[in-house]
Structures are given as C-alpha cells and as structure tokens.
Amino acid sequence: MMDLPCTQWQDHVAQKWSGLDPKQKETFNSLREIDDVFKCALSLANQEDLDAVQLISAGYLAKKDSREASKCRERGNCSFKAKDYKAAALHYSQGICFAPPSSEQLSLCYANRSAALYHLQHYQTCLDDINRALNNGYPPHLSYKLQDRRTLCLSRLSVCEKTIKDPLSASANDDICSQDVLMSSNGAHRFGICPKVSVGCSEEKGCHLVALKKITAGEVILSDRPFSLVLIPGTEKVKGKKEREQGTQREMVLGTEHRRCHRCLAETLCPVACEGCSLSQYCSAACQQEAWEEHHQWECPLGADLTVMGLMAQLALRITLKARIKNIQIARRTIRDEQKMKEKYNPYLTVFHLLHHLEHQSAALRFLFAVTVATLYLKLSKAAPLPIPWKLNEASSASGGSTDAGDTESSPELWVVGSAVLRHMLQLRCNAQAVITLQEAGSQNSQVQSVEEIRIATAMFPTLSLLNHSCCPNTSLVFGTGKAADPCVSQESAGFNHRLLGEGRLDRGVTVTVRAARVITPGEQVLHCYGPHSNRMRTRERQHLLQQQYFFLCECEACSIQEDQRKSSRKDSGLLCSKCKGALIREGGSGFTCSSLTCGHQVSAADVNERLQEVRAALEKAVELMERDVPVEALHHLQRTRSQSGFILGEIHPLQGELADATARAYAAMGDWRNAATQLEQSTVATASQYGKDSLEWC
C-alpha cells in the first residue's frame, strides 16, 4: 500500500521486531493504551533507527539542487520546441522547485516558464514570472528577451481590459484574452449539515446520521472540508505532440505533486515553490503561507524522511500539528473525565474520538506504526523548538502523567504530539477518505476526450466520518478542489446546521458534497460506501475486505440477502451460447452451461477466460490505435474482434460495454456521430446492468 511506510523502512522495523526477546514482545502485545504503546516504542527507538531513515531518505530528491533544476529545464526546452507548452511549463516549474534561492538556474527557469505561459495566453502570470526572473539575477545580456515579452503581454492585457469594459466586442477577442484577468463568478462554498438530518448515537452504530424528514434524490445532505490532507505522489500522463520528424508519439510523465497545489489541490502550471525544499509547491502565496503556519515549517526540515515514513504518518502528523497542544489536551481530558463537551463545537474533538481499533490491529502493524511515530518524534525533538502558542503551560500539569516518557530530553509538548500522531495514524486506517477527481485521459490532440477517476489525496473529514458504511449506499460523494463548489450547493445550504462545522464557514479549498442517491425516508440512516460495493464485488469478498480493514462484519441490506437468493435473482453471466445464442449460466467454478433445455451446450471456465483475455487484448490494441490517431484502423480492429469471437458477448456483459464505448470513440473521431450515439446507447445498457442506474459510472 502506498499509504504505509516505504518497503525498506518496513523491512527495517520487521527486523527490529524479530530481534526483540520474547518478554519484550509479550509486553508490547499486552499494551492496550496508546500512551503506553508510544512509551514502549519510544524506549526501543534508537540511533540505528535514525540512521536507517537517513540512509533510506538519501534515495529521494528533497533538497534544492541546481543540477536537477538544469535537467528539468532541458526537458522543458524539449517540450517547448515541440510546441507542447503545457508540458514545458510543468517541467520549468519542476526546475523552479529544485533551483536554490537567488540562483541563476532559478532565474532561467522563471524566464523560460514565462515564455511557455505567454504561448498559453496566461499573460498576467507571464508578467509575474518575468519579474521573478529579473529579481533573481537573470543574465543582463539576455534581459532584452524578457523586456520584449513584457511589452507583448502588456499589449495583450490592454486589449482584454478594453474587452471587459466593452462586452459587445468580447466575441471578437475571446481568443487573446488571458484567463488571469477574468474573475470567477462562483460564490463561496458553505458548509454544514442539512436540517432534514440529525446526529444519532448508539453503542451498536456509534455516531451516525439519520433522516428526520424525507430527502429526495439529488438533495444535498452535507458539505464538509477536510481537517487535514496529504497529496498523493503519482503519475499523471501529459501527452506530448507528435514529433513529425520521427512520426512517433512522445510522452511526458509528470506526477500529481508537480501539477497540483499541495494545500488546496488546485491544478496549476505556475506553482509557488517552497524556498527550503524541492517537495512542496502551492497555487498561490496565500496557500503557501497557510501551509507553512499550519504544518510545513516542521515538515520542511524533515525533507524526504516523511516520504520514507509514508503518507499515513505524514497525514497523522499534519492533523496533530493543526490541532495544537490546547485542543489535544482538551480532547485527552474528555476521555479521562468521560464527560461531553458543552463548549463551542470543535471539529478536532470529532477527529480525536474516532475509533482507532488498537486492540484489533496485528502486533506487527502496531509495532510498525509505533516505531515509525517514535522515530519521527526523535526527529522532531532534534529540530527547532515549538513556538510559544504550542507551550503547554498549565495544561501540561493537568494531563495526568503524560510527560515522563522514555527519559528523553525532549519537551513535554513534543511527547504529547508523538502520542497524538500515533493515535491518528491508527485511526486513519479506518477513517481516512480518498479524494477523487476526474481527469482527462488519452491524447490531448484527439477529437474525443475520455475521463477517468484518479485518487489525488488522502484526507480526514470530520463530519463525513459520521457516515456509516453500506454496500448499497443511499448517497454519492462529489469532491471539489481549489475553487468554490457549484453555486447550487451554497443556495441549498442556507438552512444547514452549521454548528457541526463551526459558524457556517466559507472556504475555497478542498470540499466534499454528499447528495442523496435515492429517496431517503424519515428514520433511515444516511449511509456511504467505504469501497466494497455490491455492484462490483460478491458478498463474501466484500465482507472479508471490510472485516480485514474496518474490523466489522457488514450486515447491510445487500449483505443480508442470502447468497442463494442473490444467485436466483442475479441476471445471467452476460455470455451467450455460441450454438443457439441462449444465456450461459455459471455452474459453480467448473464452467458454463447453456440455459436452453434443447441445447445444454457446455463451456469450461478456462476456455471462457482464455477467450475473454483475447477480447481484452484486442480492445487494448484498438485503444492504442486511437491514441495514435488512426481511428479507421481501430474501428476495423474492433469490428473484427466482435465478429470473430468464439462465443457471443451479451448486451449486459462488461466487455460488451467497453467494446461499444471504444467503437463509439472511433466513430466520433471519424465524425460519424450517428453511429457513435448508437454505440454509446449499447454501452449504457452494460454499464447500468453492472453498476446500477444510480451509479456514477452510469450517470
């Protein structure tokens, strides 16, 4: 899993666990309080662990490096020559992140990025980069290039300003107006819970949401923003333009961390880089400052150490750093005193009181988490002291024996931080939420664009965490990043219960909006799917995954139906008999039998799987042909695949839907929209059968 520490660190901790004597293992296994687990791990953590982290982190790029900046700039130059200005801007931005402050490489990367931004018609940000290049020591003998570019930008912006003042002339000048001048008209996003819903609590269900009144399909139930989040490093493909000389398709691969703000997740071509490390970048100086004050001033000195320790450890640390000592102490006292808080709502208390399932985690995983956090604690204890607002003062004496751990020389503030980080790291396994967005897939030059879901961040949402799981949920989630959400949300949320989120806050960062997927009746629980869905997995598989990660046996409506009932009510396999075109019915794991009594033709499971793999390979080949802009050849390949199949795919089979969708793309690329629409209709039949008509896939 990408959220866990890297493999080398896991191996180091596993070796450390193997080296413990039986008594030490028995002692660790017997601990049931997080404070005690952290104390034990802290007593075992040593210089060898710090050295191991340092050795592993040396393999990751985190520091400023002029040579790496130069390499990024050269890659940007290649994209620029190919007139792929978006990829060029992204590579130059990478160079800016690597370039040391006030270095020549920094000025060159800013200057080159300004050229790419000019061609992308981002004139204001182009001017900003020109100023940054000149302020960071751009070579004087080349400055005339920047001055000429500045003149061109000002000329373009002057036309745009006239266009804004004279709306009647807008249509004639839309192509040259920079998007930087035009302001968004979207209203700010309002957060809260719909008044038709209330929070219920029970020993069996914990805290959950229940409908008080009828909620219609599509109605907003709640809107939330994360208490904290971490962007997930990963690859997003940025297609280059065709290299005419070679006749091939060049492909630039850049990660989410290079394309999005590390605070609000907004996509940006011209990020603001951290001055201390090469890892963090932001869409604006405001996001950079907020991130610095909230967590990055402590993360920055750690550099690649956090990459080694994994995304869950980093997110747990961010949650703790944002909470501050005062809130941590308030949350700790509520557990000790077993009393409900009557003070103003504090979202951190919701996060702190989420179940951590310490007793259900395996000993090896508990030890991995504990040693990881203990080592992180030692790293922090060697860094600069915490600022004055973090000091415990009188609060530390009220924590009840929480400052005597490990006989370390570190401050009691850091000890409380370490214990809280471990708590949140354990919680995240069951309570973290993936932030999903849609991204264009395929060639940017294609007439037909496809989209795919990608996971761009892991977050902790205080209010969203109140929703319990169902394999057939009655809600759907939509995430927003960077900008305000759609105006209808703020209108519908006018009567929301804002106490649960604190004063009806307004925000333009990451958001999640929960809507009813169907009618929810009064008294019905509002439910969300944690991942395993009844339209995608069998009952036993879902229950196994939920038990393994979330430590409960799912007994939702979908799981309560007996397996034999599901089989009897389940549609056929989606495969048709090659002899009579009757439906093929699965016979256990042995194979398939034609449902027609007059036929009874049988096909082995191995034969069916082999032929399905052949169809899958042919489909991938056709998609590849479309990526190479040869839709006619792709269409012939698809038609040949469908006609030569040794069996016939029924209209509800998933592969039939994919074949129809690919065929529609080929027709659309050729401009044959009528046939494209016909194929899309066939695709929706298979999609509705597989996922349901209330699913995101079908919509």
Foldseek 3Di string as FASTA:
>chain_A
DQFFFDPQLLVVLVVLVVPDDPVLLVVLLPDDDLLVNLLSLLLSDDVVSVVSLVVVLVVPAKFADQVQLVVLQVVLVVLVVLVVLLSSLLSLQLSCLRHAALDQSNLVSLQSNLVSCVVVLQLVSSLVSLVVSVVSCHPPVPNVVSVVSNVVSVVLQVVQVVCVVPVVCCVVNVVNHHPVVDDDPADFFWWFFDPQKDWDADPVQGTFIFGAAKAAFFAFGTKFDFLAWFWDWDWDKDWGDAPVVVLDTDIDIHTLQSQAAGGQRDGDSNWDHDNQISRHTHNDVVSVVVCCQQPVVLVSVCTSSVSSRRNLLVRLLSSLSNCAQVNLLVLLVCVVVVDDDPDQDDLSNLLLPFDLPPSPDDSSVSSSLSNSLSSVLVVSQPDDDDDPSRDCVVSVVVSPPQQPRNPDPGGSSSSSSSSSSSSSSSNCLAAKDFAKDKDWDFHPPFPDIDIDIDGTMIGGISVVSNAAADLAFQKDKDKDGQAHDHNVNRVSCPPGPCSNVPPRDTDGGMMMIIGGLRIRRGRGTHHDHPPNHVLADPLVVVQVVCCVRVVDRDCHPSNVDDPVNCLVPADAQQWAALPPRATWHDDPQFFTFGPDPVPRDTDGPVVVVVLVVVLVVLLVVLSVCVSSVPLVVSLVSLVCSQVPRSTHGHLQHQSLLSSLQSNLSSCVSVVNNVSSVVSNVSNLNNVCSRPNCSDPSND
